[in-house]
Protein backbone atom coordinates (compact mmCIF):
# COMPACT_ATOMS: atom_id res chain seq x y z
CA MET A 1 -5.15 30.53 -9.10
CA THR A 2 -2.85 28.78 -6.72
CA PRO A 3 -3.06 24.78 -6.46
CA HIS A 4 -3.45 23.21 -2.78
CA VAL A 5 -3.70 19.64 -1.69
CA ALA A 6 -7.25 20.37 -0.13
CA ALA A 7 -8.58 22.16 -3.23
CA TRP A 8 -8.08 25.14 -5.84
CA GLN A 9 -8.99 28.56 -4.39
CA LEU A 10 -9.20 31.95 -6.28
CA ASP A 11 -6.96 34.28 -4.74
CA ILE A 12 -9.33 37.04 -5.25
CA PHE A 13 -9.96 37.58 -1.46
CA GLY A 14 -6.13 38.13 -0.36
CA ASP A 15 -5.62 37.41 2.96
CA THR A 16 -9.30 37.38 4.38
CA SER A 17 -9.57 34.15 2.22
CA PRO A 18 -12.54 32.06 3.90
CA VAL A 19 -10.21 28.90 3.16
CA HIS A 20 -7.38 28.75 5.30
CA LEU A 21 -4.74 25.80 4.89
CA PRO A 22 -2.97 25.10 8.22
CA GLN A 23 0.79 24.89 7.94
CA ARG A 24 2.38 21.85 8.46
CA LYS A 25 4.64 21.49 11.27
CA PRO A 26 8.02 19.82 10.45
CA ASP A 27 8.79 16.48 11.66
CA PRO A 28 11.15 16.90 14.76
CA LEU A 29 13.06 13.82 13.96
CA PRO A 30 14.98 13.22 10.47
CA ASP A 31 14.28 9.97 8.55
CA PRO A 32 15.52 6.97 10.68
CA ARG A 33 17.95 6.09 7.81
CA CYS A 34 19.86 9.48 8.56
CA TRP A 35 20.45 8.74 12.30
CA SER A 36 23.92 7.97 13.37
CA ASP A 37 24.88 4.57 14.96
CA SER A 38 24.70 6.36 18.53
CA VAL A 39 21.35 7.88 18.03
CA ARG A 40 19.98 4.66 16.58
CA GLU A 41 21.38 2.84 20.03
CA GLN A 42 19.89 5.49 22.17
CA MET A 43 16.41 5.09 20.53
CA ALA A 44 16.77 1.38 20.79
CA GLU A 45 17.62 1.38 24.64
CA GLU A 46 14.80 4.00 25.17
CA LEU A 47 12.16 2.15 23.35
CA PHE A 48 13.42 -1.20 25.33
CA TYR A 49 12.75 0.93 28.57
CA PHE A 50 9.55 2.19 27.61
CA ALA A 51 8.23 -1.49 26.62
CA CYS A 52 9.40 -2.78 29.92
CA ASP A 53 8.31 -0.02 32.22
CA SER A 54 5.29 0.05 34.04
CA ARG A 55 3.28 3.12 35.00
CA ARG A 56 1.31 1.38 37.12
CA ALA A 57 3.86 0.44 39.91
CA ASP A 58 3.01 -3.23 39.23
CA ASN A 59 5.50 -5.97 37.51
CA LEU A 60 3.61 -5.95 34.43
CA PRO A 61 5.28 -4.19 31.54
CA GLU A 62 3.10 -1.33 29.65
CA ALA A 63 3.76 -3.31 26.41
CA LEU A 64 1.98 -6.35 27.78
CA ALA A 65 -0.47 -4.49 29.22
CA ASP A 66 -1.36 -2.70 26.23
CA CYS A 67 -1.66 -5.81 24.44
CA ALA A 68 -4.14 -7.36 27.09
CA LEU A 69 -6.32 -3.63 26.56
CA LEU A 70 -6.52 -4.27 22.77
CA ILE A 71 -7.09 -7.97 22.90
CA SER A 72 -10.10 -6.79 25.54
CA ASP A 73 -11.23 -4.15 23.00
CA ARG A 74 -11.31 -6.92 20.42
CA LEU A 75 -13.40 -9.34 22.39
CA ARG A 76 -16.02 -6.62 23.93
CA ASN A 77 -16.32 -5.51 20.00
CA ARG A 78 -14.92 -2.21 20.45
CA LYS A 79 -13.43 -0.24 17.53
CA VAL A 80 -9.69 -1.36 17.42
CA ASP A 81 -7.00 -0.17 14.80
CA ILE A 82 -6.62 -3.30 12.65
CA ALA A 83 -3.08 -2.74 11.65
CA ASP A 84 -1.87 -2.19 15.13
CA TYR A 85 -4.08 -5.45 16.34
CA ARG A 86 -2.89 -7.66 13.55
CA ALA A 87 0.73 -6.57 14.34
CA THR A 88 0.21 -7.18 18.13
CA LEU A 89 -1.32 -10.70 17.25
CA GLY A 90 1.56 -11.64 15.28
CA TRP A 91 4.04 -9.81 17.78
CA ILE A 92 2.84 -12.34 20.72
CA MET A 93 2.49 -15.51 18.57
CA GLU A 94 6.28 -14.58 17.75
CA TYR A 95 5.79 -14.63 14.05
CA TRP A 96 8.01 -11.44 14.05
CA ASN A 97 9.98 -9.81 16.70
CA GLY A 98 9.78 -5.98 16.38
CA MET A 99 12.37 -4.01 17.99
CA ILE A 100 11.92 -6.09 21.47
CA PRO A 101 10.99 -10.05 21.18
CA TYR A 102 8.02 -11.07 22.93
CA ARG A 103 9.83 -13.57 24.93
CA LEU A 104 12.05 -10.98 26.55
CA VAL A 105 9.35 -8.54 27.50
CA CYS A 106 7.65 -11.55 29.15
CA SER A 107 10.77 -12.39 31.04
CA ILE A 108 11.53 -9.13 32.51
CA GLY A 109 7.81 -8.91 33.82
CA ARG A 110 8.12 -12.64 35.13
CA ILE A 111 4.99 -13.52 33.05
CA ARG A 112 4.92 -16.96 31.29
CA PRO A 113 4.91 -16.17 27.19
CA ARG A 114 2.35 -19.07 26.83
CA VAL A 115 -0.19 -16.84 28.75
CA PHE A 116 -1.19 -14.42 26.24
CA GLN A 117 -0.81 -17.13 23.57
CA ASP A 118 -3.13 -19.54 25.01
CA VAL A 119 -5.90 -16.93 25.44
CA ILE A 120 -5.50 -16.42 21.37
CA LEU A 121 -5.56 -20.24 20.56
CA ASP A 122 -8.34 -20.73 23.22
CA THR A 123 -10.84 -18.09 22.17
CA PRO A 124 -12.78 -18.70 19.21
CA LEU A 125 -12.81 -15.03 17.80
CA LEU A 126 -9.09 -14.49 18.46
CA ALA A 127 -8.10 -17.68 16.84
CA ARG A 128 -10.20 -16.88 13.76
CA ASP A 129 -8.46 -13.41 13.50
CA LEU A 130 -5.12 -15.38 14.13
CA ARG A 131 -6.04 -17.67 11.23
CA GLU A 132 -6.87 -14.79 8.89
CA LEU A 133 -3.54 -13.10 9.84
CA ARG A 134 -1.38 -16.21 8.99
CA GLN A 135 -3.38 -16.63 5.93
CA SER A 136 -2.52 -13.31 4.77
CA CYS A 137 0.79 -12.95 5.79
CA PHE A 138 2.05 -16.58 4.82
CA GLY A 139 -0.25 -18.02 2.31
CA SER A 140 -1.36 -21.49 1.68
CA LEU A 141 -0.14 -24.32 -0.48
CA LEU A 142 -3.80 -25.16 -1.05
């Protein structure tokens, strides 16, 4: 018998076994800790251009368009990735900067940073989500 991650399988069938485990594809990039400084700088530069790029030929950077879409999905009660949603709320409210600060992306797109922040603070559902995020990340003295 050969142990696999998926299950135990009897090898009596040989190559015609009814259980086939797909081979994992190797990761195309090594661990980021192994990157050289030049590769790290190139990745940061590409990420910056990706965040500021607009595929719609308007002035709104894709990073902000993605934030607007995620917030819209949350308001319409569509399924959202909770980790991505919470990271987006924290990035917009400038609790953390990530690779590119929120204010920098807004300035490139000539968008006032307070626009998204006011929407979050003025909408009860989003404000509640923000309070929960703050509570789970920063805690409380009470």
